[in-house]
Every structure is written in structure tokens, then in C-alpha cells.
Amino acid sequence: MGRCVIIMSLMMLLMSSRFTEGIWLNLPSTGTKCVSEEILNNVVVVADYVIIDEQGHASPTVSAKVTSPYGNNLYHKENVTHGQFAFTTTEIGNYVACFWVDGNHQSATLNLDWKIGIAAKDWDSVAKQEHIEGVELEFRKLESAVESIHQNLLYLKNREAEMREVSEKTNARVAWLSIMSLSVGIVASLFQVWHLKRYFQKRKLI
């Protein structure tokens, strides 16, 4: 029963990754619209974008730019109505794709089909190259899904460990700061008592 639940969960994950709808962006006549995705290292990314002509007029052209988490330029095109970019990630973090309308055109609607990891893999080519089909192909997809889940869990585990370490260091610093503040307050109070005592003694009030 437990294995069946796991297999069904993996199938749902695989189906959701295969049939994810594209992103619709309303690009203003001036300004830039960006989308970002946090992606692990060594992951395949494939994306297609196209300007949607809704009014029957000539489609405006746009510029597209994709940058890595460290600011490296992965893709840059200008004066286009459609295009595709593909790359394999070499850095962990947020990958950003930005689009803007060229010249003095009116606003435009852009459809972006962004596929990552399993969804970006060409399973038809894999089936032809390895001569597999049917159930064997589906299990191959499940195997890739399990590997992807495993990598994500390892990444989340490492992130949790890093955040825990930062939290512990921050708590230790706060504790030392509290101790130092308390010590300074005690010393200042003792100094005030000593100063007042000397003052009263000079005035022969005590």
C-alpha cells in the first residue's frame, strides 16, 4: 500500500511537471517585466517565448535577457517577436529572465513557456536512442523524478543546516552583547554610587 502511494505521488509530480502552463506577461510600453526561478546546479532549462497578437496589428518587437545568480549573461536578444533559450545551470540560486518592448511600441502580451529539469528533457529522443517505450519509458521518467526529488531534498537539508548555523552564531553574538551591556550597566551604576558617596563625604553629609 505504501509503495502504491509513493508511485502515485511520483506520477502526479511527473504529470504536473510535464503539463505546466506557460507564464503570461503583460509588457508595458515602457519598463521591464522579469520572472525568476530558484534552480539547483547542473539542471537543464529550456524556455520558449512569443508575442501574442490580440488586436490584429503588427506585433511589436521585444528584447529578452537572461542572467544567472552571479549576474552572468546567459541570453540576450533584441527586436524579436519570438525566441528560445536553453542552458544547463552552473550556479545555485535565482535565474532571472527579463523582457521589455523595443522602441515606442504600445504594450504587448508575451507568453513564456519555462521548462526546468524533467519537464525540459526530450523524452521522445531518449526513447528513440535507447529503444524503450511504454511502461519502461514511464519508469525511466519516474527514476528521473526520484533523482530530482532527492537532489532537492539534499539542497533543502544543506540550506537548513546553513540557516541553523547562522542562527546559532547570531544567538551567541546577541548573548555576548547582552552580557557586555549588563556589565557596562553594572560598572556605570557602581561608579555613580562611588561618585555620590565621595560627594556626600566631601559635603560631610555622611
C-alpha atoms as a PDB file:
ATOM      1  CA  MET A   1       0.000   0.000   0.000  1.00  0.00           C
ATOM      2  CA  GLY A   2       2.816   2.421   0.936  1.00  0.00           C
ATOM      3  CA  ARG A   3       4.653   1.747  -2.336  1.00  0.00           C
ATOM      4  CA  CYS A   4       1.492   2.422  -4.313  1.00  0.00           C
ATOM      5  CA  VAL A   5       1.069   5.788  -2.582  1.00  0.00           C
ATOM      6  CA  ILE A   6       4.673   6.715  -3.358  1.00  0.00           C
ATOM      7  CA  ILE A   7       4.327   5.714  -7.019  1.00  0.00           C
ATOM      8  CA  MET A   8       1.059   7.660  -7.342  1.00  0.00           C
ATOM      9  CA  SER A   9       2.706  10.723  -5.763  1.00  0.00           C
ATOM     10  CA  LEU A  10       5.605  10.493  -8.199  1.00  0.00           C
ATOM     11  CA  MET A  11       3.210  10.133 -11.116  1.00  0.00           C
ATOM     12  CA  MET A  12       1.354  13.275 -10.020  1.00  0.00           C
ATOM     13  CA  LEU A  13       4.655  15.132  -9.734  1.00  0.00           C
ATOM     14  CA  LEU A  14       5.706  13.973 -13.187  1.00  0.00           C
ATOM     15  CA  MET A  15       2.374  14.878 -14.746  1.00  0.00           C
ATOM     16  CA  SER A  16       2.421  18.331 -13.168  1.00  0.00           C
ATOM     17  CA  SER A  17       5.943  18.943 -14.444  1.00  0.00           C
ATOM     18  CA  ARG A  18       5.001  17.848 -17.975  1.00  0.00           C
ATOM     19  CA  PHE A  19       1.828  19.853 -18.365  1.00  0.00           C
ATOM     20  CA  THR A  20       2.691  23.099 -16.617  1.00  0.00           C
ATOM     21  CA  GLU A  21       1.017  26.063 -18.319  1.00  0.00           C
ATOM     22  CA  GLY A  22       3.080  28.940 -19.672  1.00  0.00           C
ATOM     23  CA  ILE A  23       3.502  32.292 -17.983  1.00  0.00           C
ATOM     24  CA  TRP A  24       1.623  35.276 -19.414  1.00  0.00           C
ATOM     25  CA  LEU A  25       3.332  38.651 -19.107  1.00  0.00           C
ATOM     26  CA  ASN A  26       1.722  41.999 -19.897  1.00  0.00           C
ATOM     27  CA  LEU A  27       4.648  44.160 -21.020  1.00  0.00           C
ATOM     28  CA  PRO A  28       4.099  47.918 -20.653  1.00  0.00           C
ATOM     29  CA  SER A  29       5.201  50.343 -23.374  1.00  0.00           C
ATOM     30  CA  THR A  30       7.988  51.436 -21.031  1.00  0.00           C
ATOM     31  CA  GLY A  31       9.648  49.424 -18.318  1.00  0.00           C
ATOM     32  CA  THR A  32      10.694  45.815 -17.861  1.00  0.00           C
ATOM     33  CA  LYS A  33       8.945  42.682 -16.655  1.00  0.00           C
ATOM     34  CA  CYS A  34      11.026  39.897 -15.117  1.00  0.00           C
ATOM     35  CA  VAL A  35      10.428  36.376 -13.853  1.00  0.00           C
ATOM     36  CA  SER A  36      12.817  34.398 -11.680  1.00  0.00           C
ATOM     37  CA  GLU A  37      13.229  30.817 -10.575  1.00  0.00           C
ATOM     38  CA  GLU A  38      15.500  29.330  -7.909  1.00  0.00           C
ATOM     39  CA  ILE A  39      17.310  26.441  -9.597  1.00  0.00           C
ATOM     40  CA  LEU A  40      19.942  23.980  -8.437  1.00  0.00           C
ATOM     41  CA  ASN A  41      23.275  23.288 -10.121  1.00  0.00           C
ATOM     42  CA  ASN A  42      23.542  21.112 -13.255  1.00  0.00           C
ATOM     43  CA  VAL A  43      19.842  21.433 -14.222  1.00  0.00           C
ATOM     44  CA  VAL A  44      18.651  21.771 -17.826  1.00  0.00           C
ATOM     45  CA  VAL A  45      16.486  24.822 -18.562  1.00  0.00           C
ATOM     46  CA  VAL A  46      14.556  25.326 -21.822  1.00  0.00           C
ATOM     47  CA  ALA A  47      12.180  28.220 -22.496  1.00  0.00           C
ATOM     48  CA  ASP A  48      10.166  29.457 -25.484  1.00  0.00           C
ATOM     49  CA  TYR A  49       8.612  32.906 -25.649  1.00  0.00           C
ATOM     50  CA  VAL A  50       6.345  34.562 -28.200  1.00  0.00           C
ATOM     51  CA  ILE A  51       4.463  37.836 -28.555  1.00  0.00           C
ATOM     52  CA  ILE A  52       0.692  37.299 -28.756  1.00  0.00           C
ATOM     53  CA  ASP A  53      -1.107  39.474 -31.321  1.00  0.00           C
ATOM     54  CA  GLU A  54      -4.511  40.193 -29.777  1.00  0.00           C
ATOM     55  CA  GLN A  55      -5.727  43.113 -31.955  1.00  0.00           C
ATOM     56  CA  GLY A  56      -4.667  42.075 -35.459  1.00  0.00           C
ATOM     57  CA  HIS A  57      -1.991  44.780 -35.644  1.00  0.00           C
ATOM     58  CA  ALA A  58       1.679  44.268 -36.414  1.00  0.00           C
ATOM     59  CA  SER A  59       3.259  42.558 -33.437  1.00  0.00           C
ATOM     60  CA  PRO A  60       5.685  44.766 -31.503  1.00  0.00           C
ATOM     61  CA  THR A  61       9.221  43.537 -31.066  1.00  0.00           C
ATOM     62  CA  VAL A  62      10.750  42.903 -27.686  1.00  0.00           C
ATOM     63  CA  SER A  63      14.143  42.376 -26.099  1.00  0.00           C
ATOM     64  CA  ALA A  64      14.937  39.454 -23.836  1.00  0.00           C
ATOM     65  CA  LYS A  65      17.750  38.927 -21.362  1.00  0.00           C
ATOM     66  CA  VAL A  66      18.536  36.024 -19.014  1.00  0.00           C
ATOM     67  CA  THR A  67      21.071  36.289 -16.200  1.00  0.00           C
ATOM     68  CA  SER A  68      22.493  33.832 -13.687  1.00  0.00           C
ATOM     69  CA  PRO A  69      22.521  34.278  -9.876  1.00  0.00           C
ATOM     70  CA  TYR A  70      26.015  35.832 -10.137  1.00  0.00           C
ATOM     71  CA  GLY A  71      24.945  38.237 -12.892  1.00  0.00           C
ATOM     72  CA  ASN A  72      26.413  36.359 -15.860  1.00  0.00           C
ATOM     73  CA  ASN A  73      24.628  37.000 -19.151  1.00  0.00           C
ATOM     74  CA  LEU A  74      23.200  33.701 -20.458  1.00  0.00           C
ATOM     75  CA  TYR A  75      20.966  35.009 -23.250  1.00  0.00           C
ATOM     76  CA  HIS A  76      20.296  38.374 -24.909  1.00  0.00           C
ATOM     77  CA  LYS A  77      18.184  39.128 -27.972  1.00  0.00           C
ATOM     78  CA  GLU A  78      16.726  42.372 -29.340  1.00  0.00           C
ATOM     79  CA  ASN A  79      13.980  43.237 -31.852  1.00  0.00           C
ATOM     80  CA  VAL A  80      12.340  39.805 -31.873  1.00  0.00           C
ATOM     81  CA  THR A  81       8.752  38.572 -31.716  1.00  0.00           C
ATOM     82  CA  HIS A  82       9.643  35.066 -30.529  1.00  0.00           C
ATOM     83  CA  GLY A  83      12.636  33.062 -29.428  1.00  0.00           C
ATOM     84  CA  GLN A  84      14.050  30.248 -27.363  1.00  0.00           C
ATOM     85  CA  PHE A  85      16.845  29.972 -24.821  1.00  0.00           C
ATOM     86  CA  ALA A  86      18.361  26.846 -23.319  1.00  0.00           C
ATOM     87  CA  PHE A  87      21.203  26.267 -20.895  1.00  0.00           C
ATOM     88  CA  THR A  88      22.461  23.988 -18.147  1.00  0.00           C
ATOM     89  CA  THR A  89      22.845  25.728 -14.795  1.00  0.00           C
ATOM     90  CA  THR A  90      26.320  26.062 -13.292  1.00  0.00           C
ATOM     91  CA  GLU A  91      25.292  28.115 -10.244  1.00  0.00           C
ATOM     92  CA  ILE A  92      22.740  27.641  -7.479  1.00  0.00           C
ATOM     93  CA  GLY A  93      20.273  30.474  -6.986  1.00  0.00           C
ATOM     94  CA  ASN A  94      17.737  32.682  -8.777  1.00  0.00           C
ATOM     95  CA  TYR A  95      17.877  32.769 -12.559  1.00  0.00           C
ATOM     96  CA  VAL A  96      16.139  35.876 -13.946  1.00  0.00           C
ATOM     97  CA  ALA A  97      14.552  36.378 -17.377  1.00  0.00           C
ATOM     98  CA  CYS A  98      13.579  39.954 -18.291  1.00  0.00           C
ATOM     99  CA  PHE A  99      11.550  41.252 -21.233  1.00  0.00           C
ATOM    100  CA  TRP A 100      10.784  44.758 -22.491  1.00  0.00           C
ATOM    101  CA  VAL A 101       9.148  46.331 -25.553  1.00  0.00           C
ATOM    102  CA  ASP A 102      11.516  47.886 -28.106  1.00  0.00           C
ATOM    103  CA  GLY A 103      11.170  51.474 -29.311  1.00  0.00           C
ATOM    104  CA  ASN A 104       7.932  53.396 -28.855  1.00  0.00           C
ATOM    105  CA  HIS A 105       5.548  50.494 -29.404  1.00  0.00           C
ATOM    106  CA  GLN A 106       2.413  50.006 -27.384  1.00  0.00           C
ATOM    107  CA  SER A 107       2.147  47.464 -24.613  1.00  0.00           C
ATOM    108  CA  ALA A 108       2.381  43.783 -25.554  1.00  0.00           C
ATOM    109  CA  THR A 109       1.395  40.371 -24.231  1.00  0.00           C
ATOM    110  CA  LEU A 110       4.095  37.723 -24.061  1.00  0.00           C
ATOM    111  CA  ASN A 111       3.734  34.001 -23.407  1.00  0.00           C
ATOM    112  CA  LEU A 112       6.700  32.309 -21.736  1.00  0.00           C
ATOM    113  CA  ASP A 113       6.907  28.516 -21.578  1.00  0.00           C
ATOM    114  CA  TRP A 114       9.642  27.880 -18.986  1.00  0.00           C
ATOM    115  CA  LYS A 115      10.642  24.229 -18.502  1.00  0.00           C
ATOM    116  CA  ILE A 116      13.110  23.006 -15.887  1.00  0.00           C
ATOM    117  CA  GLY A 117      14.723  19.658 -15.197  1.00  0.00           C
ATOM    118  CA  ILE A 118      12.482  16.705 -16.060  1.00  0.00           C
ATOM    119  CA  ALA A 119       9.993  18.872 -17.940  1.00  0.00           C
ATOM    120  CA  ALA A 120      12.783  20.191 -20.194  1.00  0.00           C
ATOM    121  CA  LYS A 121      14.031  16.747 -21.178  1.00  0.00           C
ATOM    122  CA  ASP A 122      13.216  15.474 -24.680  1.00  0.00           C
ATOM    123  CA  TRP A 123      11.770  12.101 -23.761  1.00  0.00           C
ATOM    124  CA  ASP A 124      10.916  11.243 -27.376  1.00  0.00           C
ATOM    125  CA  SER A 125      14.609  11.433 -28.284  1.00  0.00           C
ATOM    126  CA  VAL A 126      15.530   9.375 -25.220  1.00  0.00           C
ATOM    127  CA  ALA A 127      13.011   6.684 -26.202  1.00  0.00           C
ATOM    128  CA  LYS A 128      14.370   6.508 -29.752  1.00  0.00           C
ATOM    129  CA  GLN A 129      18.030   6.459 -28.724  1.00  0.00           C
ATOM    130  CA  GLU A 130      17.612   3.814 -26.021  1.00  0.00           C
ATOM    131  CA  HIS A 131      14.857   1.876 -27.808  1.00  0.00           C
ATOM    132  CA  ILE A 132      12.436   1.977 -24.882  1.00  0.00           C
ATOM    133  CA  GLU A 133       8.714   2.655 -24.822  1.00  0.00           C
ATOM    134  CA  GLY A 134       5.525   2.134 -22.851  1.00  0.00           C
ATOM    135  CA  VAL A 135       5.917   1.136 -19.196  1.00  0.00           C
ATOM    136  CA  GLU A 136       9.718   1.102 -19.417  1.00  0.00           C
ATOM    137  CA  LEU A 137       9.740   4.715 -20.588  1.00  0.00           C
ATOM    138  CA  GLU A 138       7.347   5.754 -17.832  1.00  0.00           C
ATOM    139  CA  PHE A 139       9.549   4.099 -15.204  1.00  0.00           C
ATOM    140  CA  ARG A 140      12.535   5.915 -16.681  1.00  0.00           C
ATOM    141  CA  LYS A 141      10.672   9.170 -16.176  1.00  0.00           C
ATOM    142  CA  LEU A 142       9.846   8.162 -12.590  1.00  0.00           C
ATOM    143  CA  GLU A 143      13.506   7.378 -11.989  1.00  0.00           C
ATOM    144  CA  SER A 144      14.451  10.873 -13.142  1.00  0.00           C
ATOM    145  CA  ALA A 145      11.700  12.321 -10.938  1.00  0.00           C
ATOM    146  CA  VAL A 146      13.022  10.454  -7.884  1.00  0.00           C
ATOM    147  CA  GLU A 147      16.556  11.686  -8.607  1.00  0.00           C
ATOM    148  CA  SER A 148      15.277  15.251  -8.907  1.00  0.00           C
ATOM    149  CA  ILE A 149      13.386  14.966  -5.608  1.00  0.00           C
ATOM    150  CA  HIS A 150      16.487  13.519  -3.945  1.00  0.00           C
ATOM    151  CA  GLN A 151      18.642  16.418  -5.146  1.00  0.00           C
ATOM    152  CA  ASN A 152      16.057  18.947  -3.927  1.00  0.00           C
ATOM    153  CA  LEU A 153      15.893  17.291  -0.507  1.00  0.00           C
ATOM    154  CA  LEU A 154      19.691  17.351  -0.186  1.00  0.00           C
ATOM    155  CA  TYR A 155      19.698  21.027  -1.159  1.00  0.00           C
ATOM    156  CA  LEU A 156      16.996  21.877   1.377  1.00  0.00           C
ATOM    157  CA  LYS A 157      18.847  19.892   4.046  1.00  0.00           C
ATOM    158  CA  ASN A 158      22.057  21.819   3.383  1.00  0.00           C
ATOM    159  CA  ARG A 159      20.179  25.122   3.393  1.00  0.00           C
ATOM    160  CA  GLU A 160      18.568  24.214   6.713  1.00  0.00           C
ATOM    161  CA  ALA A 161      21.972  23.347   8.196  1.00  0.00           C
ATOM    162  CA  GLU A 162      23.424  26.667   6.970  1.00  0.00           C
ATOM    163  CA  MET A 163      20.494  28.638   8.366  1.00  0.00           C
ATOM    164  CA  ARG A 164      20.762  26.787  11.688  1.00  0.00           C
ATOM    165  CA  GLU A 165      24.475  27.605  11.891  1.00  0.00           C
ATOM    166  CA  VAL A 166      23.835  31.278  11.128  1.00  0.00           C
ATOM    167  CA  SER A 167      21.047  31.348  13.721  1.00  0.00           C
ATOM    168  CA  GLU A 168      23.287  29.793  16.381  1.00  0.00           C
ATOM    169  CA  LYS A 169      26.089  32.275  15.654  1.00  0.00           C
ATOM    170  CA  THR A 170      23.617  35.163  15.796  1.00  0.00           C
ATOM    171  CA  ASN A 171      22.189  33.953  19.113  1.00  0.00           C
ATOM    172  CA  ALA A 172      25.703  33.619  20.550  1.00  0.00           C
ATOM    173  CA  ARG A 173      26.578  37.168  19.476  1.00  0.00           C
ATOM    174  CA  VAL A 174      23.335  38.502  20.936  1.00  0.00           C
ATOM    175  CA  ALA A 175      24.080  36.702  24.213  1.00  0.00           C
ATOM    176  CA  TRP A 176      27.586  38.191  24.406  1.00  0.00           C
ATOM    177  CA  LEU A 177      26.200  41.630  23.560  1.00  0.00           C
ATOM    178  CA  SER A 178      23.616  41.284  26.336  1.00  0.00           C
ATOM    179  CA  ILE A 179      26.314  40.250  28.830  1.00  0.00           C
ATOM    180  CA  MET A 180      28.530  43.180  27.793  1.00  0.00           C
ATOM    181  CA  SER A 181      25.606  45.615  28.056  1.00  0.00           C
ATOM    182  CA  LEU A 182      24.728  44.271  31.502  1.00  0.00           C
ATOM    183  CA  SER A 183      28.373  44.525  32.600  1.00  0.00           C
ATOM    184  CA  VAL A 184      28.631  48.119  31.384  1.00  0.00           C
ATOM    185  CA  GLY A 185      25.406  48.974  33.203  1.00  0.00           C
ATOM    186  CA  ILE A 186      26.673  47.434  36.462  1.00  0.00           C
ATOM    187  CA  VAL A 187      30.030  49.248  36.203  1.00  0.00           C
ATOM    188  CA  ALA A 188      28.260  52.546  35.458  1.00  0.00           C
ATOM    189  CA  SER A 189      25.950  52.053  38.454  1.00  0.00           C
ATOM    190  CA  LEU A 190      28.893  51.285  40.781  1.00  0.00           C
ATOM    191  CA  PHE A 191      30.742  54.349  39.506  1.00  0.00           C
ATOM    192  CA  GLN A 192      27.696  56.543  40.157  1.00  0.00           C
ATOM    193  CA  VAL A 193      27.368  55.146  43.699  1.00  0.00           C
ATOM    194  CA  TRP A 194      31.090  55.731  44.361  1.00  0.00           C
ATOM    195  CA  HIS A 195      30.895  59.260  42.929  1.00  0.00           C
ATOM    196  CA  LEU A 196      27.825  60.156  45.003  1.00  0.00           C
ATOM    197  CA  LYS A 197      29.424  58.689  48.127  1.00  0.00           C
ATOM    198  CA  ARG A 198      32.548  60.848  47.681  1.00  0.00           C
ATOM    199  CA  TYR A 199      30.389  63.881  47.006  1.00  0.00           C
ATOM    200  CA  PHE A 200      28.418  63.412  50.219  1.00  0.00           C
ATOM    201  CA  GLN A 201      31.592  62.721  52.173  1.00  0.00           C
ATOM    202  CA  LYS A 202      33.153  65.978  50.953  1.00  0.00           C
ATOM    203  CA  ARG A 203      30.000  67.800  51.928  1.00  0.00           C
ATOM    204  CA  LYS A 204      30.175  65.988  55.273  1.00  0.00           C
ATOM    205  CA  LEU A 205      26.612  64.824  54.806  1.00  0.00           C
ATOM    206  CA  ILE A 206      27.547  61.263  55.725  1.00  0.00           C
END
